[in-house]
Structures are given as structure tokens and as C-alpha cells.
Amino acid sequence: MPDTDEIQSLLADALERLDGFVALHSLERLSGGASQATYRLRVAMVDGERSLALRRSVGPAGERGFGGPGLAVEARLMGLARRAGVPGPEVHMALRPEDGLGEGFVMEWVEGESIGSRINRSDELASARAGLAGECGRALARIHAIDLDSTGLNDALHEVDPAEEVRQTWERYKGFHSPQPMIDFTARWLLDHLPPEGEPALVHGDFRNGNLLVVPTGMAAVLDWEIAHIGDPMRDLGWLCTASWRFGHPEKPVGGFGSYEDLFAGYEAESGRAVDPAHVRFWEVFGSFWWSVGCLGMADQYRSGPDRSVERAAIGRRSSECQVDCVNLVIPGPAAGVVRAGGDDGP
């Protein structure tokens, strides 16, 4: 893997393909895991200095996080969504094999707040929060309306079957050898309450508070398309409503900033289709189930490696909170006195 100086040198050469490029002044890695990373670039252009963003693969060639489509397809998705009216950055150029930087792309830098707890608490964003649930509904309707055939997405993305997704998640949990009765109960509940089959659509897969950029006027960008797939569009609505993404505001089911009614109204107004709350609820239950297993996976990585960071252990313990969310969703009550222990910062 090239070091930072080598990356900067290789990237400066690649950016020569960008119209108006003069020089690359700085490169700062902002975030990323084992397979992908995001960088902020400061570049000189013929019309002045500006910031750009770089997304690139840093794992083994061909590695895909969570079975995602890869960065080349992610860049295509961002462009398609932007043309459909979904807020997001413009993709300026894709990396090529000869660049020596792996798979990736350079895009517009968009300012905004992405940290969920700040979105929900900031006085500066109070006006944005008032209409954000409706904006999310409209953005999701536009994503789900993108045609799969004419765009070639049917060939670029895999299709996810709800029953198979439940079973695969359940099997993954069993591999941790950490019996959790509520996970087993919820898996059976999900298999007994599968949603009706409908027309498959492009699904973002991780549309939630924390993957949106928000400014005082509203949503500025939808981020992180790395687990996009074809499937049930209501999955995106249910995931947005999953309790783990409310960041200290459980009384506001949509991301901790809005109501079901506003989300559904925005979606219905844009799509012309009625939303079945029970259908969304299935995916809300699945969201807590899936993330409870995901948190156990973090704990397993902490115990057995390769990642022994405190962050893994801290996220791992939150599996119990997600299981409490499952209790309150699928067992009539809710259970008296059973509340989430999580603080404002969420998982």
C-alpha cells in the first residue's frame, strides 16, 4: 500500500485529467476502515483554490465491504441519484488502474454536519430538523424511482431477498457462539411476518442519520452508497427509523429528528404511492435485529482479533440495547421499565 507522500504524488498526476486543475496542495485522510477511505483534498484550479473529496479502496483488490458493489458502481449511483434530484456531490473523475491508487473517485466537497447527535441537538440546525423527515421521504422516493433497466443497475447490483437476508443474519449470529434468546426470538418473528412481495427497486441500504449531510436550510447530501442493492424499497424507510439512529431522541422515530407521519407524507407526495406502516415496521424490526448481530460481530472481533480497539468493544456492548429495541417492537407492551441505555452519541 502506498504511503501518504506517494499517494499525494500519484494523485497529483491523476488529477491532470481534471479540467482546470493546476496543483494539489494537501491531502488529509478523514475516515475509513479496512477496505475504503475518504480524504479531503486542497487543490488549485484555474479559477482559484477549492476542496475536493477522494474515496478510494485501501483493501485487497476486489474487496467489497458488506457485499457492496464497489467504488466504481458507487460513483455511478451517486451520479444517477444526483440527476434524479437527490442532494449529493458531483463526481468529477474516476481513478484508473494506471493511476496506481486502486479503485476510487474524486468528487465535489460538500459542507455540512454528518454527526447524528449534532444534527439532533444543534441550535443552528433547528430549522432544518423541522422539515428533514419530509425531505428524507422525498429523497428516498427519488432513489427508488431510478430505473434499473435503462441504467444497467440490474447487472451491476445484487438483489436481496428479505427471507434470505434474515436467515443469513441469523446464521452469522450463530457463528459467534454467544446465545442471545431475543435474537433468536426476533429472527423467528421476522420469518413469520415477511412483507408481501412487490416491485424491486434500487435500495440505498444505509440511509440514516449519520449518513446525511445537513445544513441550516436542510439536507445537503446523501452519503455512503457502499451497500446499495436491489430489493424492497421499504427497507430504506425502516432503517432510517431504527432506534439506534435516533441519537438520544427516542421520541422522534425518524432519525431522532422527525415523525413517521412526515416521512411517509414526503414519500407519498413524491412517489404517488401509499406507505404501509406495517411494512416499514418489519424493516424497523429487522434493523434492530441486524444491528444487534452486527454489534456482536464487533465484540467478536475485539475478543479474537484482528481489531482489538476500544471502539470495537464499546460498539459490541450495544447489542443488548438493540435487543431491547426488538423487545419493544415485537412483544406487546412495551415491557414496563425497559428502555435503551444508550446515550446521545448512539452506537
Protein backbone atom coordinates (compact mmCIF):
# COMPACT_ATOMS: atom_id res chain seq x y z
CA MET A 1 0.00 0.00 0.00
CA PRO A 2 1.49 3.41 -0.93
CA ASP A 3 2.29 5.84 1.90
CA THR A 4 0.78 9.32 2.16
CA ASP A 5 3.54 11.06 0.20
CA GLU A 6 3.32 8.50 -2.59
CA ILE A 7 -0.49 8.75 -2.66
CA GLN A 8 -0.24 12.54 -2.96
CA SER A 9 2.26 12.26 -5.81
CA LEU A 10 0.22 9.66 -7.70
CA LEU A 11 -2.98 11.61 -7.15
CA ALA A 12 -1.44 14.84 -8.42
CA ASP A 13 -0.59 13.04 -11.65
CA ALA A 14 -4.11 11.59 -11.94
CA LEU A 15 -5.73 14.98 -11.34
CA GLU A 16 -4.11 16.30 -14.50
CA ARG A 17 -7.16 14.79 -16.25
CA LEU A 18 -9.43 17.19 -14.37
CA ASP A 19 -10.35 20.30 -16.37
CA GLY A 20 -8.81 23.43 -14.87
CA PHE A 21 -6.51 21.57 -12.45
CA VAL A 22 -3.28 23.36 -11.52
CA ALA A 23 -1.81 21.72 -8.40
CA LEU A 24 -2.60 19.50 -5.41
CA HIS A 25 -1.69 21.38 -2.23
CA SER A 26 -2.68 18.93 0.51
CA LEU A 27 -4.21 15.53 1.22
CA GLU A 28 -5.87 14.69 4.55
CA ARG A 29 -7.31 11.29 5.39
CA LEU A 30 -10.60 11.81 7.23
CA SER A 31 -12.07 8.38 7.80
CA GLY A 32 -12.13 4.83 6.61
CA GLY A 33 -11.98 1.23 7.61
CA ALA A 34 -10.13 -1.79 6.34
CA SER A 35 -11.39 -1.52 2.78
CA GLN A 36 -12.25 2.13 1.99
CA ALA A 37 -11.06 5.59 2.98
CA THR A 38 -12.13 9.20 2.44
CA TYR A 39 -9.72 12.11 2.00
CA ARG A 40 -10.07 15.87 1.79
CA LEU A 41 -8.00 17.49 -0.94
CA ARG A 42 -6.99 21.13 -1.28
CA VAL A 43 -6.35 21.88 -4.93
CA ALA A 44 -5.51 24.91 -7.01
CA MET A 45 -7.72 25.34 -10.06
CA VAL A 46 -7.51 27.98 -12.77
CA ASP A 47 -10.41 29.79 -11.07
CA GLY A 48 -9.00 29.56 -7.53
CA GLU A 49 -8.40 27.15 -4.67
CA ARG A 50 -11.06 24.67 -3.59
CA SER A 51 -11.65 21.46 -1.65
CA LEU A 52 -12.42 18.12 -3.25
CA ALA A 53 -13.02 14.68 -1.75
CA LEU A 54 -11.39 11.38 -2.67
CA ARG A 55 -12.92 7.97 -1.98
CA ARG A 56 -10.58 5.06 -2.61
CA SER A 57 -10.17 1.40 -1.86
CA VAL A 58 -7.39 0.64 0.60
CA GLY A 59 -8.01 -3.10 0.99
CA PRO A 60 -7.03 -6.02 -1.24
CA ALA A 61 -8.03 -5.73 -4.88
CA GLY A 62 -11.65 -6.60 -5.38
CA GLU A 63 -12.53 -6.42 -1.68
CA ARG A 64 -16.13 -5.39 -1.05
CA GLY A 65 -17.39 -4.29 2.34
CA PHE A 66 -20.66 -6.00 3.36
CA GLY A 67 -21.08 -7.46 -0.13
CA GLY A 68 -21.30 -3.97 -1.62
CA PRO A 69 -20.93 -3.12 -5.30
CA GLY A 70 -17.55 -1.38 -5.16
CA LEU A 71 -16.49 2.21 -5.66
CA ALA A 72 -16.90 2.34 -9.43
CA VAL A 73 -20.58 1.44 -9.11
CA GLU A 74 -20.91 3.71 -6.06
CA ALA A 75 -19.76 6.64 -8.19
CA ARG A 76 -22.34 5.73 -10.85
CA LEU A 77 -25.06 5.57 -8.21
CA MET A 78 -24.19 8.99 -6.86
CA GLY A 79 -24.39 10.46 -10.35
CA LEU A 80 -27.72 8.78 -11.07
CA ALA A 81 -29.17 9.93 -7.75
CA ARG A 82 -27.99 13.49 -8.30
CA ARG A 83 -29.65 13.57 -11.72
CA ALA A 84 -32.83 12.24 -10.10
CA GLY A 85 -32.90 15.22 -7.73
CA VAL A 86 -31.29 13.60 -4.68
CA PRO A 87 -28.88 16.01 -2.92
CA GLY A 88 -25.29 14.88 -3.26
CA PRO A 89 -21.81 15.76 -4.51
CA GLU A 90 -20.91 15.82 -8.18
CA VAL A 91 -18.43 13.09 -9.14
CA HIS A 92 -15.62 14.73 -11.14
CA MET A 93 -13.48 11.76 -12.18
CA ALA A 94 -12.85 8.08 -11.58
CA LEU A 95 -9.45 6.61 -10.83
CA ARG A 96 -7.92 4.36 -13.48
CA PRO A 97 -5.76 1.26 -12.98
CA GLU A 98 -2.73 3.07 -14.35
CA ASP A 99 -3.05 5.71 -11.59
CA GLY A 100 -1.68 3.16 -9.09
CA LEU A 101 -4.22 4.17 -6.44
CA GLY A 102 -6.71 1.33 -6.65
CA GLU A 103 -10.42 1.78 -7.21
CA GLY A 104 -11.90 5.17 -6.35
CA PHE A 105 -13.17 8.54 -7.48
CA VAL A 106 -12.81 12.28 -6.88
CA MET A 107 -15.91 14.30 -6.11
CA GLU A 108 -17.09 17.71 -5.07
CA TRP A 109 -16.56 18.65 -1.42
CA VAL A 110 -19.90 19.38 0.26
CA GLU A 111 -20.03 21.24 3.57
CA GLY A 112 -22.48 20.13 6.24
CA GLU A 113 -22.94 18.29 9.52
CA SER A 114 -22.93 14.48 9.41
CA ILE A 115 -22.67 13.55 13.09
CA GLY A 116 -26.11 12.36 14.17
CA SER A 117 -26.07 13.67 17.72
CA ARG A 118 -25.11 17.16 16.50
CA ILE A 119 -27.79 17.12 13.81
CA ASN A 120 -30.34 16.40 16.54
CA ARG A 121 -29.10 18.97 19.07
CA SER A 122 -27.56 21.89 17.20
CA ASP A 123 -29.46 25.17 17.54
CA GLU A 124 -28.07 26.14 14.14
CA LEU A 125 -29.87 23.17 12.54
CA ALA A 126 -33.23 23.63 14.29
CA SER A 127 -34.89 24.97 11.14
CA ALA A 128 -33.51 22.07 9.10
CA ARG A 129 -34.82 19.48 11.56
CA ALA A 130 -38.36 20.80 11.19
CA GLY A 131 -38.59 19.59 7.60
CA LEU A 132 -35.89 16.93 7.48
CA ALA A 133 -38.15 13.86 7.79
CA GLY A 134 -40.20 15.01 4.81
CA GLU A 135 -37.02 15.72 2.85
CA CYS A 136 -35.82 12.20 3.60
CA GLY A 137 -39.10 10.77 2.34
CA ARG A 138 -38.85 12.70 -0.90
CA ALA A 139 -35.19 11.78 -1.42
CA LEU A 140 -35.91 8.09 -0.86
CA ALA A 141 -38.82 8.16 -3.29
CA ARG A 142 -36.50 9.61 -5.94
CA ILE A 143 -33.87 6.95 -5.26
CA HIS A 144 -36.44 4.17 -5.51
CA ALA A 145 -37.78 5.56 -8.80
CA ILE A 146 -34.43 5.25 -10.61
CA ASP A 147 -34.97 2.82 -13.48
CA LEU A 148 -32.97 -0.38 -13.08
CA ASP A 149 -33.00 -1.49 -16.71
CA SER A 150 -32.11 1.69 -18.59
CA THR A 151 -29.31 2.49 -16.12
CA GLY A 152 -27.81 -1.01 -16.19
CA LEU A 153 -28.18 -1.35 -12.42
CA ASN A 154 -29.87 -4.73 -12.81
CA ASP A 155 -26.50 -6.06 -13.96
CA ALA A 156 -24.35 -4.03 -11.55
CA LEU A 157 -26.12 -4.75 -8.25
CA HIS A 158 -27.18 -7.92 -6.48
CA GLU A 159 -30.78 -8.49 -5.40
CA VAL A 160 -31.60 -9.12 -1.75
CA ASP A 161 -34.48 -11.38 -0.71
CA PRO A 162 -35.95 -10.48 2.72
CA ALA A 163 -36.26 -14.08 3.94
CA GLU A 164 -32.74 -14.94 2.83
CA GLU A 165 -31.39 -11.79 4.48
CA VAL A 166 -32.98 -12.77 7.79
CA ARG A 167 -31.62 -16.31 7.55
CA GLN A 168 -28.11 -15.19 6.63
CA THR A 169 -28.03 -12.71 9.51
CA TRP A 170 -29.30 -15.39 11.91
CA GLU A 171 -26.64 -17.85 10.72
CA ARG A 172 -23.94 -15.21 11.14
CA TYR A 173 -25.06 -14.68 14.74
CA LYS A 174 -24.94 -18.42 15.46
CA GLY A 175 -21.32 -18.43 14.35
CA PHE A 176 -20.39 -16.16 17.28
CA HIS A 177 -21.41 -18.89 19.79
CA SER A 178 -22.93 -16.28 22.08
CA PRO A 179 -26.55 -17.33 22.73
CA GLN A 180 -28.95 -14.37 22.92
CA PRO A 181 -32.58 -15.52 23.26
CA MET A 182 -34.04 -12.25 21.97
CA ILE A 183 -32.08 -12.50 18.74
CA ASP A 184 -33.46 -15.99 18.15
CA PHE A 185 -36.98 -14.84 19.02
CA THR A 186 -36.75 -11.86 16.66
CA ALA A 187 -35.39 -13.97 13.81
CA ARG A 188 -38.40 -16.27 14.09
CA TRP A 189 -40.75 -13.26 14.32
CA LEU A 190 -39.29 -11.80 11.15
CA LEU A 191 -39.64 -15.07 9.24
CA ASP A 192 -43.27 -15.27 10.41
CA HIS A 193 -44.02 -11.67 9.34
CA LEU A 194 -42.30 -11.36 5.96
CA PRO A 195 -43.61 -8.43 3.88
CA PRO A 196 -45.58 -9.06 0.69
CA GLU A 197 -43.57 -9.31 -2.50
CA GLY A 198 -43.50 -6.13 -4.53
CA GLU A 199 -41.65 -4.44 -7.34
CA PRO A 200 -37.91 -4.43 -6.54
CA ALA A 201 -36.13 -1.09 -6.57
CA LEU A 202 -32.74 0.49 -6.02
CA VAL A 203 -32.16 0.42 -2.24
CA HIS A 204 -29.54 2.73 -0.72
CA GLY A 205 -29.04 0.28 2.14
CA ASP A 206 -27.65 2.66 4.77
CA PHE A 207 -29.87 5.75 4.56
CA ARG A 208 -29.89 7.05 8.14
CA ASN A 209 -28.96 9.88 10.44
CA GLY A 210 -25.17 9.85 10.33
CA ASN A 211 -25.00 9.25 6.58
CA LEU A 212 -26.61 12.57 5.65
CA LEU A 213 -25.01 16.00 5.39
CA VAL A 214 -27.28 18.64 6.89
CA VAL A 215 -27.04 22.44 6.74
CA PRO A 216 -29.41 25.08 8.19
CA THR A 217 -31.52 25.02 5.02
CA GLY A 218 -31.94 21.23 5.06
CA MET A 219 -30.35 18.14 3.54
CA ALA A 220 -27.17 18.89 1.58
CA ALA A 221 -26.11 15.37 0.59
CA VAL A 222 -26.85 11.67 0.87
CA LEU A 223 -23.62 9.76 1.57
CA ASP A 224 -22.25 6.21 1.76
CA TRP A 225 -23.76 4.13 -1.04
CA GLU A 226 -21.38 1.22 -0.40
CA ILE A 227 -24.07 -1.38 0.44
CA ALA A 228 -26.60 -0.34 -2.20
CA HIS A 229 -28.53 -3.22 -3.75
CA ILE A 230 -31.81 -4.15 -5.42
CA GLY A 231 -34.63 -5.11 -3.11
CA ASP A 232 -37.60 -3.95 -1.08
CA PRO A 233 -37.65 -0.12 -1.07
CA MET A 234 -39.36 -0.02 2.33
CA ARG A 235 -36.12 -1.31 3.81
CA ASP A 236 -34.65 2.19 3.50
CA LEU A 237 -37.57 3.74 5.40
CA GLY A 238 -37.38 1.13 8.15
CA TRP A 239 -33.62 1.54 8.55
CA LEU A 240 -33.97 5.31 8.88
CA CYS A 241 -36.49 4.70 11.69
CA THR A 242 -34.36 2.12 13.54
CA ALA A 243 -33.90 3.18 17.16
CA SER A 244 -30.09 3.05 17.06
CA TRP A 245 -30.03 6.10 14.78
CA ARG A 246 -32.13 8.41 16.98
CA PHE A 247 -29.10 9.61 18.96
CA GLY A 248 -30.70 10.45 22.29
CA HIS A 249 -34.18 11.34 20.98
CA PRO A 250 -36.21 8.11 21.09
CA GLU A 251 -39.49 10.03 20.98
CA LYS A 252 -38.75 11.06 17.38
CA PRO A 253 -38.70 7.82 15.41
CA VAL A 254 -37.24 9.18 12.18
CA GLY A 255 -33.55 9.65 12.90
CA GLY A 256 -34.28 11.35 16.21
CA PHE A 257 -35.48 14.44 14.35
CA GLY A 258 -38.90 13.66 12.85
CA SER A 259 -42.14 11.71 12.80
CA TYR A 260 -43.39 8.74 10.83
CA GLU A 261 -46.19 10.93 9.51
CA ASP A 262 -43.82 13.49 7.99
CA LEU A 263 -41.56 10.81 6.49
CA PHE A 264 -44.47 8.92 4.94
CA ALA A 265 -46.12 12.12 3.69
CA GLY A 266 -42.92 13.17 1.92
CA TYR A 267 -42.52 9.74 0.36
CA GLU A 268 -46.14 9.53 -0.76
CA ALA A 269 -46.17 13.03 -2.22
CA GLU A 270 -43.08 12.31 -4.32
CA SER A 271 -43.83 8.71 -5.32
CA GLY A 272 -47.61 8.77 -5.59
CA ARG A 273 -47.68 5.50 -3.62
CA ALA A 274 -49.18 4.90 -0.20
CA VAL A 275 -46.83 3.70 2.54
CA ASP A 276 -47.97 0.73 4.65
CA PRO A 277 -46.72 1.40 8.21
CA ALA A 278 -46.71 -2.34 9.00
CA HIS A 279 -44.41 -2.95 6.04
CA VAL A 280 -41.99 -0.29 7.29
CA ARG A 281 -42.24 -1.72 10.80
CA PHE A 282 -40.98 -5.09 9.56
CA TRP A 283 -37.81 -3.40 8.33
CA GLU A 284 -37.52 -1.36 11.52
CA VAL A 285 -37.55 -4.63 13.48
CA PHE A 286 -35.05 -6.08 11.03
CA GLY A 287 -32.84 -3.02 11.51
CA SER A 288 -32.54 -3.59 15.26
CA PHE A 289 -32.10 -7.34 14.70
CA TRP A 290 -29.40 -6.81 12.05
CA TRP A 291 -27.52 -4.23 14.10
CA SER A 292 -27.71 -6.36 17.26
CA VAL A 293 -25.90 -9.08 15.31
CA GLY A 294 -23.52 -6.52 13.83
CA CYS A 295 -22.60 -5.34 17.32
CA LEU A 296 -21.95 -8.93 18.41
CA GLY A 297 -19.63 -9.16 15.42
CA MET A 298 -17.73 -6.13 16.71
CA ALA A 299 -17.38 -7.80 20.10
CA ASP A 300 -16.18 -11.00 18.43
CA GLN A 301 -13.52 -9.04 16.53
CA TYR A 302 -12.40 -7.46 19.80
CA ARG A 303 -12.12 -10.86 21.51
CA SER A 304 -10.46 -12.76 18.70
CA GLY A 305 -8.84 -10.08 16.54
CA PRO A 306 -7.85 -8.67 14.16
CA ASP A 307 -9.21 -5.42 15.70
CA ARG A 308 -8.67 -5.08 19.46
CA SER A 309 -9.59 -1.38 19.62
CA VAL A 310 -11.72 0.00 22.44
CA GLU A 311 -14.20 1.21 19.81
CA ARG A 312 -14.96 -2.39 18.83
CA ALA A 313 -15.66 -3.33 22.43
CA ALA A 314 -17.79 -0.23 23.02
CA ILE A 315 -19.94 -0.92 19.97
CA GLY A 316 -20.12 -4.61 20.82
CA ARG A 317 -21.84 -3.99 24.13
CA ARG A 318 -24.67 -2.17 22.35
CA SER A 319 -26.07 -5.43 21.05
CA SER A 320 -28.11 -5.62 24.25
CA GLU A 321 -29.62 -2.19 23.55
CA CYS A 322 -30.69 -3.29 20.07
CA GLN A 323 -32.27 -6.37 21.61
CA VAL A 324 -34.25 -4.14 23.97
CA ASP A 325 -35.45 -2.28 20.88
CA CYS A 326 -36.61 -5.62 19.47
CA VAL A 327 -38.48 -6.35 22.72
CA ASN A 328 -40.33 -3.06 22.50
CA LEU A 329 -41.20 -3.60 18.83
CA VAL A 330 -42.38 -7.20 18.75
CA ILE A 331 -43.58 -8.02 22.28
CA PRO A 332 -46.86 -6.25 23.18
CA GLY A 333 -46.40 -3.75 25.95
CA PRO A 334 -43.86 -2.32 25.62
CA ALA A 335 -42.20 -4.03 28.57
CA ALA A 336 -42.59 -1.76 31.60
CA GLY A 337 -39.38 -0.03 32.56
CA VAL A 338 -37.41 -1.38 29.61
CA VAL A 339 -35.63 1.49 27.90
CA ARG A 340 -32.47 1.93 25.89
CA ALA A 341 -29.34 2.53 27.93
CA GLY A 342 -27.57 4.34 25.09
CA GLY A 343 -26.54 7.97 25.36
CA ASP A 344 -26.75 10.80 22.87
CA ASP A 345 -23.92 9.53 20.72
CA GLY A 346 -25.60 6.28 19.68
CA PRO A 347 -23.66 3.21 18.51
